[in-house]
PDB file of all heavy atoms in Angstrom:
ATOM      1  N   TRP A   1      -2.809   6.137  -3.066  1.00  0.00           N
ATOM      2  CA  TRP A   1      -1.874   5.066  -2.739  1.00  0.00           C
ATOM      3  C   TRP A   1      -0.516   5.606  -2.283  1.00  0.00           C
ATOM      4  O   TRP A   1       0.239   4.920  -1.615  1.00  0.00           O
ATOM      5  CB  TRP A   1      -1.699   4.126  -3.927  1.00  0.00           C
ATOM      6  CG  TRP A   1      -1.258   4.776  -5.201  1.00  0.00           C
ATOM      7  CD1 TRP A   1       0.030   5.056  -5.592  1.00  0.00           C
ATOM      8  CD2 TRP A   1      -2.095   5.227  -6.274  1.00  0.00           C
ATOM      9  NE1 TRP A   1       0.051   5.643  -6.822  1.00  0.00           N
ATOM     10  CE2 TRP A   1      -1.244   5.758  -7.279  1.00  0.00           C
ATOM     11  CE3 TRP A   1      -3.475   5.226  -6.501  1.00  0.00           C
ATOM     12  CZ2 TRP A   1      -1.738   6.290  -8.474  1.00  0.00           C
ATOM     13  CZ3 TRP A   1      -3.959   5.754  -7.685  1.00  0.00           C
ATOM     14  CH2 TRP A   1      -3.101   6.283  -8.651  1.00  0.00           C
ATOM     15  N   GLU A   2      -0.235   6.865  -2.603  1.00  0.00           N
ATOM     16  CA  GLU A   2       1.029   7.461  -2.201  1.00  0.00           C
ATOM     17  C   GLU A   2       1.082   7.737  -0.702  1.00  0.00           C
ATOM     18  O   GLU A   2       2.162   7.990  -0.148  1.00  0.00           O
ATOM     19  CB  GLU A   2       1.267   8.746  -2.989  1.00  0.00           C
ATOM     20  CG  GLU A   2       1.436   8.494  -4.482  1.00  0.00           C
ATOM     21  CD  GLU A   2       1.489   9.777  -5.302  1.00  0.00           C
ATOM     22  OE1 GLU A   2       1.218  10.851  -4.731  1.00  0.00           O
ATOM     23  OE2 GLU A   2       1.789   9.704  -6.502  1.00  0.00           O
ATOM     24  N   ILE A   3      -0.064   7.671  -0.028  1.00  0.00           N
ATOM     25  CA  ILE A   3      -0.103   7.829   1.426  1.00  0.00           C
ATOM     26  C   ILE A   3       0.838   6.838   2.092  1.00  0.00           C
ATOM     27  O   ILE A   3       1.541   7.165   3.055  1.00  0.00           O
ATOM     28  CB  ILE A   3      -1.538   7.618   1.954  1.00  0.00           C
ATOM     29  CG1 ILE A   3      -2.461   8.753   1.490  1.00  0.00           C
ATOM     30  CG2 ILE A   3      -1.556   7.517   3.479  1.00  0.00           C
ATOM     31  CD1 ILE A   3      -3.932   8.504   1.796  1.00  0.00           C
ATOM     32  N   VAL A   4       0.864   5.612   1.586  1.00  0.00           N
ATOM     33  CA  VAL A   4       1.681   4.561   2.190  1.00  0.00           C
ATOM     34  C   VAL A   4       3.163   4.877   2.056  1.00  0.00           C
ATOM     35  O   VAL A   4       3.962   4.491   2.907  1.00  0.00           O
ATOM     36  CB  VAL A   4       1.365   3.193   1.562  1.00  0.00           C
ATOM     37  CG1 VAL A   4       2.182   2.097   2.208  1.00  0.00           C
ATOM     38  CG2 VAL A   4      -0.112   2.878   1.704  1.00  0.00           C
ATOM     39  N   GLY A   5       3.545   5.584   1.002  1.00  0.00           N
ATOM     40  CA  GLY A   5       4.924   6.007   0.877  1.00  0.00           C
ATOM     41  C   GLY A   5       5.254   7.137   1.838  1.00  0.00           C
ATOM     42  O   GLY A   5       6.389   7.260   2.304  1.00  0.00           O
ATOM     43  N   TYR A   6       4.267   7.955   2.118  1.00  0.00           N
ATOM     44  CA  TYR A   6       4.462   9.076   3.032  1.00  0.00           C
ATOM     45  C   TYR A   6       4.582   8.577   4.463  1.00  0.00           C
ATOM     46  O   TYR A   6       5.350   9.116   5.264  1.00  0.00           O
ATOM     47  CB  TYR A   6       3.281  10.040   2.903  1.00  0.00           C
ATOM     48  CG  TYR A   6       3.641  11.482   3.145  1.00  0.00           C
ATOM     49  CD1 TYR A   6       4.102  12.277   2.094  1.00  0.00           C
ATOM     50  CD2 TYR A   6       3.519  12.052   4.392  1.00  0.00           C
ATOM     51  CE1 TYR A   6       4.431  13.609   2.299  1.00  0.00           C
ATOM     52  CE2 TYR A   6       3.852  13.391   4.612  1.00  0.00           C
ATOM     53  CZ  TYR A   6       4.304  14.154   3.560  1.00  0.00           C
ATOM     54  OH  TYR A   6       4.640  15.463   3.765  1.00  0.00           O
ATOM     55  N   LEU A   7       3.807   7.553   4.799  1.00  0.00           N
ATOM     56  CA  LEU A   7       3.867   6.935   6.124  1.00  0.00           C
ATOM     57  C   LEU A   7       4.674   5.638   5.994  1.00  0.00           C
ATOM     58  O   LEU A   7       4.239   4.719   5.308  1.00  0.00           O
ATOM     59  CB  LEU A   7       2.459   6.616   6.631  1.00  0.00           C
ATOM     60  CG  LEU A   7       1.520   7.808   6.821  1.00  0.00           C
ATOM     61  CD1 LEU A   7       0.134   7.318   7.204  1.00  0.00           C
ATOM     62  CD2 LEU A   7       2.050   8.741   7.883  1.00  0.00           C
ATOM     63  N   PRO A   8       5.818   5.558   6.623  1.00  0.00           N
ATOM     64  CA  PRO A   8       6.698   4.393   6.431  1.00  0.00           C
ATOM     65  C   PRO A   8       6.195   3.149   7.158  1.00  0.00           C
ATOM     66  O   PRO A   8       6.799   2.672   8.116  1.00  0.00           O
ATOM     67  CB  PRO A   8       8.026   4.877   7.021  1.00  0.00           C
ATOM     68  CG  PRO A   8       7.616   5.835   8.093  1.00  0.00           C
ATOM     69  CD  PRO A   8       6.402   6.539   7.555  1.00  0.00           C
ATOM     70  N   MET A   9       5.073   2.615   6.716  1.00  0.00           N
ATOM     71  CA  MET A   9       4.485   1.464   7.377  1.00  0.00           C
ATOM     72  C   MET A   9       4.615   0.226   6.487  1.00  0.00           C
ATOM     73  O   MET A   9       4.479   0.303   5.275  1.00  0.00           O
ATOM     74  CB  MET A   9       3.010   1.721   7.703  1.00  0.00           C
ATOM     75  CG  MET A   9       2.752   3.038   8.423  1.00  0.00           C
ATOM     76  SD  MET A   9       3.619   3.195   9.990  1.00  0.00           S
ATOM     77  CE  MET A   9       2.449   2.429  11.098  1.00  0.00           C
ATOM     78  N   GLY A  10       4.865  -0.898   7.117  1.00  0.00           N
ATOM     79  CA  GLY A  10       4.959  -2.152   6.379  1.00  0.00           C
ATOM     80  C   GLY A  10       6.278  -2.859   6.615  1.00  0.00           C
ATOM     81  O   GLY A  10       7.239  -2.277   7.123  1.00  0.00           O
ATOM     82  N   GLY A  11       6.296  -4.146   6.260  1.00  0.00           N
ATOM     83  CA  GLY A  11       7.532  -4.900   6.344  1.00  0.00           C
ATOM     84  C   GLY A  11       7.722  -5.675   7.630  1.00  0.00           C
ATOM     85  O   GLY A  11       8.793  -6.233   7.858  1.00  0.00           O
ATOM     86  N   TRP A  12       6.699  -5.734   8.477  1.00  0.00           N
ATOM     87  CA  TRP A  12       6.815  -6.523   9.707  1.00  0.00           C
ATOM     88  C   TRP A  12       5.917  -7.756   9.589  1.00  0.00           C
ATOM     89  O   TRP A  12       4.893  -7.734   8.933  1.00  0.00           O
ATOM     90  CB  TRP A  12       6.418  -5.701  10.928  1.00  0.00           C
ATOM     91  CG  TRP A  12       4.990  -5.278  10.950  1.00  0.00           C
ATOM     92  CD1 TRP A  12       3.932  -5.956  11.476  1.00  0.00           C
ATOM     93  CD2 TRP A  12       4.426  -4.078  10.390  1.00  0.00           C
ATOM     94  NE1 TRP A  12       2.753  -5.271  11.286  1.00  0.00           N
ATOM     95  CE2 TRP A  12       3.034  -4.117  10.629  1.00  0.00           C
ATOM     96  CE3 TRP A  12       4.985  -2.978   9.721  1.00  0.00           C
ATOM     97  CZ2 TRP A  12       2.186  -3.097  10.217  1.00  0.00           C
ATOM     98  CZ3 TRP A  12       4.132  -1.970   9.323  1.00  0.00           C
ATOM     99  CH2 TRP A  12       2.752  -2.027   9.564  1.00  0.00           C
ATOM    100  N   ASN A  13       6.334  -8.831  10.263  1.00  0.00           N
ATOM    101  CA  ASN A  13       5.576 -10.089  10.234  1.00  0.00           C
ATOM    102  C   ASN A  13       5.201 -10.447   8.784  1.00  0.00           C
ATOM    103  O   ASN A  13       6.031 -10.478   7.909  1.00  0.00           O
ATOM    104  CB  ASN A  13       4.357 -10.008  11.140  1.00  0.00           C
ATOM    105  CG  ASN A  13       4.737  -9.790  12.602  1.00  0.00           C
ATOM    106  OD1 ASN A  13       5.861 -10.067  12.999  1.00  0.00           O
ATOM    107  ND2 ASN A  13       3.813  -9.299  13.393  1.00  0.00           N
ATOM    108  N   GLU A  14       3.914 -10.691   8.547  1.00  0.00           N
ATOM    109  CA  GLU A  14       3.453 -11.030   7.192  1.00  0.00           C
ATOM    110  C   GLU A  14       3.012  -9.802   6.398  1.00  0.00           C
ATOM    111  O   GLU A  14       2.518  -9.921   5.279  1.00  0.00           O
ATOM    112  CB  GLU A  14       2.283 -12.022   7.272  1.00  0.00           C
ATOM    113  CG  GLU A  14       2.652 -13.387   7.824  1.00  0.00           C
ATOM    114  CD  GLU A  14       3.578 -14.151   6.896  1.00  0.00           C
ATOM    115  OE1 GLU A  14       3.482 -13.972   5.669  1.00  0.00           O
ATOM    116  OE2 GLU A  14       4.413 -14.921   7.401  1.00  0.00           O
ATOM    117  N   CYS A  15       3.197  -8.611   6.977  1.00  0.00           N
ATOM    118  CA  CYS A  15       2.782  -7.386   6.292  1.00  0.00           C
ATOM    119  C   CYS A  15       3.692  -7.104   5.109  1.00  0.00           C
ATOM    120  O   CYS A  15       4.916  -7.194   5.229  1.00  0.00           O
ATOM    121  CB  CYS A  15       2.822  -6.219   7.268  1.00  0.00           C
ATOM    122  SG  CYS A  15       2.261  -4.653   6.575  1.00  0.00           S
ATOM    123  N   PRO A  16       3.125  -6.781   3.947  1.00  0.00           N
ATOM    124  CA  PRO A  16       3.954  -6.476   2.776  1.00  0.00           C
ATOM    125  C   PRO A  16       4.914  -5.314   3.032  1.00  0.00           C
ATOM    126  O   PRO A  16       4.663  -4.462   3.883  1.00  0.00           O
ATOM    127  CB  PRO A  16       2.927  -6.112   1.696  1.00  0.00           C
ATOM    128  CG  PRO A  16       1.654  -6.743   2.154  1.00  0.00           C
ATOM    129  CD  PRO A  16       1.686  -6.694   3.646  1.00  0.00           C
ATOM    130  N   MET A  17       5.991  -5.267   2.284  1.00  0.00           N
ATOM    131  CA  MET A  17       6.918  -4.141   2.354  1.00  0.00           C
ATOM    132  C   MET A  17       6.220  -2.891   1.803  1.00  0.00           C
ATOM    133  O   MET A  17       5.256  -2.995   1.037  1.00  0.00           O
ATOM    134  CB  MET A  17       8.165  -4.452   1.530  1.00  0.00           C
ATOM    135  CG  MET A  17       8.985  -5.611   2.074  1.00  0.00           C
ATOM    136  SD  MET A  17       9.640  -5.301   3.734  1.00  0.00           S
ATOM    137  CE  MET A  17      10.835  -3.993   3.372  1.00  0.00           C
ATOM    138  N   PRO A  18       6.701  -1.692   2.192  1.00  0.00           N
ATOM    139  CA  PRO A  18       6.052  -0.462   1.721  1.00  0.00           C
ATOM    140  C   PRO A  18       5.876  -0.402   0.208  1.00  0.00           C
ATOM    141  O   PRO A  18       4.822   0.025  -0.282  1.00  0.00           O
ATOM    142  CB  PRO A  18       6.999   0.635   2.229  1.00  0.00           C
ATOM    143  CG  PRO A  18       7.605   0.068   3.458  1.00  0.00           C
ATOM    144  CD  PRO A  18       7.786  -1.392   3.165  1.00  0.00           C
ATOM    145  N   GLU A  19       6.899  -0.830  -0.551  1.00  0.00           N
ATOM    146  CA  GLU A  19       6.792  -0.790  -2.007  1.00  0.00           C
ATOM    147  C   GLU A  19       5.657  -1.679  -2.513  1.00  0.00           C
ATOM    148  O   GLU A  19       4.935  -1.320  -3.452  1.00  0.00           O
ATOM    149  CB  GLU A  19       8.107  -1.253  -2.646  1.00  0.00           C
ATOM    150  CG  GLU A  19       9.295  -0.371  -2.322  1.00  0.00           C
ATOM    151  CD  GLU A  19      10.029  -0.827  -1.059  1.00  0.00           C
ATOM    152  OE1 GLU A  19       9.423  -1.520  -0.224  1.00  0.00           O
ATOM    153  OE2 GLU A  19      11.214  -0.477  -0.930  1.00  0.00           O
ATOM    154  N   GLU A  20       5.501  -2.845  -1.885  1.00  0.00           N
ATOM    155  CA  GLU A  20       4.421  -3.751  -2.269  1.00  0.00           C
ATOM    156  C   GLU A  20       3.072  -3.190  -1.846  1.00  0.00           C
ATOM    157  O   GLU A  20       2.082  -3.292  -2.584  1.00  0.00           O
ATOM    158  CB  GLU A  20       4.637  -5.114  -1.625  1.00  0.00           C
ATOM    159  CG  GLU A  20       5.878  -5.842  -2.098  1.00  0.00           C
ATOM    160  CD  GLU A  20       6.094  -7.142  -1.365  1.00  0.00           C
ATOM    161  OE1 GLU A  20       5.940  -7.176  -0.128  1.00  0.00           O
ATOM    162  OE2 GLU A  20       6.396  -8.148  -2.032  1.00  0.00           O
ATOM    163  N   MET A  21       3.024  -2.588  -0.657  1.00  0.00           N
ATOM    164  CA  MET A  21       1.773  -2.024  -0.173  1.00  0.00           C
ATOM    165  C   MET A  21       1.280  -0.906  -1.069  1.00  0.00           C
ATOM    166  O   MET A  21       0.087  -0.798  -1.344  1.00  0.00           O
ATOM    167  CB  MET A  21       1.946  -1.521   1.270  1.00  0.00           C
ATOM    168  CG  MET A  21       2.183  -2.624   2.279  1.00  0.00           C
ATOM    169  SD  MET A  21       2.344  -2.005   3.965  1.00  0.00           S
ATOM    170  CE  MET A  21       0.650  -1.565   4.337  1.00  0.00           C
ATOM    171  N   ILE A  22       2.206  -0.075  -1.542  1.00  0.00           N
ATOM    172  CA  ILE A  22       1.816   1.004  -2.446  1.00  0.00           C
ATOM    173  C   ILE A  22       1.216   0.438  -3.723  1.00  0.00           C
ATOM    174  O   ILE A  22       0.178   0.901  -4.202  1.00  0.00           O
ATOM    175  CB  ILE A  22       3.022   1.909  -2.787  1.00  0.00           C
ATOM    176  CG1 ILE A  22       3.495   2.647  -1.547  1.00  0.00           C
ATOM    177  CG2 ILE A  22       2.649   2.911  -3.878  1.00  0.00           C
ATOM    178  CD1 ILE A  22       4.735   3.473  -1.777  1.00  0.00           C
ATOM    179  N   ALA A  23       1.860  -0.586  -4.267  1.00  0.00           N
ATOM    180  CA  ALA A  23       1.367  -1.196  -5.509  1.00  0.00           C
ATOM    181  C   ALA A  23      -0.018  -1.798  -5.315  1.00  0.00           C
ATOM    182  O   ALA A  23      -0.899  -1.659  -6.175  1.00  0.00           O
ATOM    183  CB  ALA A  23       2.345  -2.258  -5.988  1.00  0.00           C
ATOM    184  N   VAL A  24      -0.236  -2.460  -4.182  1.00  0.00           N
ATOM    185  CA  VAL A  24      -1.549  -3.048  -3.899  1.00  0.00           C
ATOM    186  C   VAL A  24      -2.588  -1.950  -3.715  1.00  0.00           C
ATOM    187  O   VAL A  24      -3.712  -2.052  -4.226  1.00  0.00           O
ATOM    188  CB  VAL A  24      -1.486  -3.959  -2.650  1.00  0.00           C
ATOM    189  CG1 VAL A  24      -2.890  -4.376  -2.225  1.00  0.00           C
ATOM    190  CG2 VAL A  24      -0.636  -5.192  -2.928  1.00  0.00           C
ATOM    191  N   CYS A  25      -2.221  -0.900  -2.992  1.00  0.00           N
ATOM    192  CA  CYS A  25      -3.164   0.206  -2.776  1.00  0.00           C
ATOM    193  C   CYS A  25      -3.537   0.878  -4.091  1.00  0.00           C
ATOM    194  O   CYS A  25      -4.689   1.282  -4.283  1.00  0.00           O
ATOM    195  CB  CYS A  25      -2.564   1.229  -1.808  1.00  0.00           C
ATOM    196  SG  CYS A  25      -2.454   0.653  -0.106  1.00  0.00           S
ATOM    197  N   LYS A  26      -2.595   0.998  -5.000  1.00  0.00           N
ATOM    198  CA  LYS A  26      -2.879   1.567  -6.325  1.00  0.00           C
ATOM    199  C   LYS A  26      -3.867   0.665  -7.073  1.00  0.00           C
ATOM    200  O   LYS A  26      -4.858   1.147  -7.650  1.00  0.00           O
ATOM    201  CB  LYS A  26      -1.591   1.716  -7.121  1.00  0.00           C
ATOM    202  CG  LYS A  26      -1.750   2.352  -8.497  1.00  0.00           C
ATOM    203  CD  LYS A  26      -0.379   2.539  -9.159  1.00  0.00           C
ATOM    204  CE  LYS A  26      -0.507   3.349 -10.449  1.00  0.00           C
ATOM    205  NZ  LYS A  26      -1.224   2.638 -11.513  1.00  0.00           N
ATOM    206  N   TYR A  27      -3.596  -0.617  -7.044  1.00  0.00           N
ATOM    207  CA  TYR A  27      -4.467  -1.589  -7.707  1.00  0.00           C
ATOM    208  C   TYR A  27      -5.874  -1.551  -7.120  1.00  0.00           C
ATOM    209  O   TYR A  27      -6.871  -1.538  -7.858  1.00  0.00           O
ATOM    210  CB  TYR A  27      -3.836  -2.972  -7.551  1.00  0.00           C
ATOM    211  CG  TYR A  27      -4.717  -4.137  -7.935  1.00  0.00           C
ATOM    212  CD1 TYR A  27      -5.226  -4.277  -9.230  1.00  0.00           C
ATOM    213  CD2 TYR A  27      -5.027  -5.129  -7.001  1.00  0.00           C
ATOM    214  CE1 TYR A  27      -6.018  -5.359  -9.577  1.00  0.00           C
ATOM    215  CE2 TYR A  27      -5.818  -6.214  -7.340  1.00  0.00           C
ATOM    216  CZ  TYR A  27      -6.312  -6.330  -8.624  1.00  0.00           C
ATOM    217  OH  TYR A  27      -7.101  -7.399  -8.957  1.00  0.00           O
ATOM    218  N   TRP A  28      -5.965  -1.507  -5.802  1.00  0.00           N
ATOM    219  CA  TRP A  28      -7.280  -1.493  -5.163  1.00  0.00           C
ATOM    220  C   TRP A  28      -8.025  -0.183  -5.382  1.00  0.00           C
ATOM    221  O   TRP A  28      -9.248  -0.173  -5.472  1.00  0.00           O
ATOM    222  CB  TRP A  28      -7.126  -1.781  -3.670  1.00  0.00           C
ATOM    223  CG  TRP A  28      -7.027  -3.252  -3.368  1.00  0.00           C
ATOM    224  CD1 TRP A  28      -7.199  -4.277  -4.232  1.00  0.00           C
ATOM    225  CD2 TRP A  28      -6.750  -3.849  -2.092  1.00  0.00           C
ATOM    226  NE1 TRP A  28      -7.052  -5.486  -3.592  1.00  0.00           N
ATOM    227  CE2 TRP A  28      -6.773  -5.251  -2.288  1.00  0.00           C
ATOM    228  CE3 TRP A  28      -6.488  -3.340  -0.826  1.00  0.00           C
ATOM    229  CZ2 TRP A  28      -6.545  -6.140  -1.238  1.00  0.00           C
ATOM    230  CZ3 TRP A  28      -6.252  -4.225   0.217  1.00  0.00           C
ATOM    231  CH2 TRP A  28      -6.279  -5.617   0.010  1.00  0.00           C
ATOM    232  N   TYR A  29      -7.297   0.930  -5.484  1.00  0.00           N
ATOM    233  CA  TYR A  29      -7.986   2.187  -5.774  1.00  0.00           C
ATOM    234  C   TYR A  29      -8.567   2.156  -7.180  1.00  0.00           C
ATOM    235  O   TYR A  29      -9.711   2.555  -7.405  1.00  0.00           O
ATOM    236  CB  TYR A  29      -7.051   3.378  -5.617  1.00  0.00           C
ATOM    237  CG  TYR A  29      -7.743   4.683  -5.905  1.00  0.00           C
ATOM    238  CD1 TYR A  29      -8.656   5.220  -5.004  1.00  0.00           C
ATOM    239  CD2 TYR A  29      -7.505   5.359  -7.101  1.00  0.00           C
ATOM    240  CE1 TYR A  29      -9.314   6.404  -5.280  1.00  0.00           C
ATOM    241  CE2 TYR A  29      -8.163   6.542  -7.383  1.00  0.00           C
ATOM    242  CZ  TYR A  29      -9.071   7.066  -6.470  1.00  0.00           C
ATOM    243  OH  TYR A  29      -9.726   8.231  -6.755  1.00  0.00           O
ATOM    244  N   GLU A  30      -7.800   1.668  -8.113  1.00  0.00           N
ATOM    245  CA  GLU A  30      -8.266   1.605  -9.501  1.00  0.00           C
ATOM    246  C   GLU A  30      -9.410   0.605  -9.658  1.00  0.00           C
ATOM    247  O   GLU A  30     -10.291   0.797 -10.510  1.00  0.00           O
ATOM    248  CB  GLU A  30      -7.101   1.224 -10.410  1.00  0.00           C
ATOM    249  CG  GLU A  30      -6.037   2.316 -10.493  1.00  0.00           C
ATOM    250  CD  GLU A  30      -4.777   1.878 -11.222  1.00  0.00           C
ATOM    251  OE1 GLU A  30      -4.599   0.667 -11.426  1.00  0.00           O
ATOM    252  OE2 GLU A  30      -3.969   2.751 -11.578  1.00  0.00           O
ATOM    253  N   LYS A  31      -9.419  -0.420  -8.832  1.00  0.00           N
ATOM    254  CA  LYS A  31     -10.432  -1.470  -8.945  1.00  0.00           C
ATOM    255  C   LYS A  31     -11.670  -1.200  -8.083  1.00  0.00           C
ATOM    256  O   LYS A  31     -12.799  -1.427  -8.524  1.00  0.00           O
ATOM    257  CB  LYS A  31      -9.812  -2.809  -8.540  1.00  0.00           C
ATOM    258  CG  LYS A  31     -10.713  -4.027  -8.749  1.00  0.00           C
ATOM    259  CD  LYS A  31      -9.940  -5.309  -8.480  1.00  0.00           C
ATOM    260  CE  LYS A  31     -10.779  -6.553  -8.754  1.00  0.00           C
ATOM    261  NZ  LYS A  31      -9.994  -7.806  -8.541  1.00  0.00           N
ATOM    262  N   TYR A  32     -11.462  -0.703  -6.869  1.00  0.00           N
ATOM    263  CA  TYR A  32     -12.565  -0.544  -5.908  1.00  0.00           C
ATOM    264  C   TYR A  32     -12.795   0.908  -5.471  1.00  0.00           C
ATOM    265  O   TYR A  32     -13.779   1.183  -4.791  1.00  0.00           O
ATOM    266  CB  TYR A  32     -12.285  -1.355  -4.639  1.00  0.00           C
ATOM    267  CG  TYR A  32     -12.028  -2.816  -4.840  1.00  0.00           C
ATOM    268  CD1 TYR A  32     -10.730  -3.320  -4.813  1.00  0.00           C
ATOM    269  CD2 TYR A  32     -13.070  -3.720  -5.027  1.00  0.00           C
ATOM    270  CE1 TYR A  32     -10.472  -4.676  -4.979  1.00  0.00           C
ATOM    271  CE2 TYR A  32     -12.825  -5.080  -5.187  1.00  0.00           C
ATOM    272  CZ  TYR A  32     -11.526  -5.549  -5.162  1.00  0.00           C
ATOM    273  OH  TYR A  32     -11.287  -6.890  -5.320  1.00  0.00           O
ATOM    274  N   LYS A  33     -11.868   1.819  -5.784  1.00  0.00           N
ATOM    275  CA  LYS A  33     -11.887   3.188  -5.267  1.00  0.00           C
ATOM    276  C   LYS A  33     -11.696   3.223  -3.754  1.00  0.00           C
ATOM    277  O   LYS A  33     -12.139   4.156  -3.077  1.00  0.00           O
ATOM    278  CB  LYS A  33     -13.188   3.917  -5.651  1.00  0.00           C
ATOM    279  CG  LYS A  33     -13.423   4.051  -7.147  1.00  0.00           C
ATOM    280  CD  LYS A  33     -12.282   4.794  -7.816  1.00  0.00           C
ATOM    281  CE  LYS A  33     -12.513   4.945  -9.314  1.00  0.00           C
ATOM    282  NZ  LYS A  33     -11.365   5.583  -9.990  1.00  0.00           N
ATOM    283  N   ALA A  34     -11.023   2.204  -3.221  1.00  0.00           N
ATOM    284  CA  ALA A  34     -10.730   2.140  -1.793  1.00  0.00           C
ATOM    285  C   ALA A  34      -9.424   2.881  -1.511  1.00  0.00           C
ATOM    286  O   ALA A  34      -8.477   2.813  -2.299  1.00  0.00           O
ATOM    287  CB  ALA A  34     -10.611   0.686  -1.338  1.00  0.00           C
ATOM    288  N   VAL A  35      -9.371   3.596  -0.379  1.00  0.00           N
ATOM    289  CA  VAL A  35      -8.174   4.374  -0.052  1.00  0.00           C
ATOM    290  C   VAL A  35      -7.670   3.982   1.337  1.00  0.00           C
ATOM    291  O   VAL A  35      -8.457   3.738   2.257  1.00  0.00           O
ATOM    292  CB  VAL A  35      -8.471   5.889  -0.082  1.00  0.00           C
ATOM    293  CG1 VAL A  35      -8.931   6.319  -1.463  1.00  0.00           C
ATOM    294  CG2 VAL A  35      -9.513   6.275   0.955  1.00  0.00           C
TER     295      VAL A  35
END
């Protein structure tokens, strides 16, 4: 999930802010093992 912090993506249109994206990616990795 730290990849999203390394790549400054997010915060446009309806896309979550980077901080939110990292939190979601962490949650999804722990739940689904998705990266």
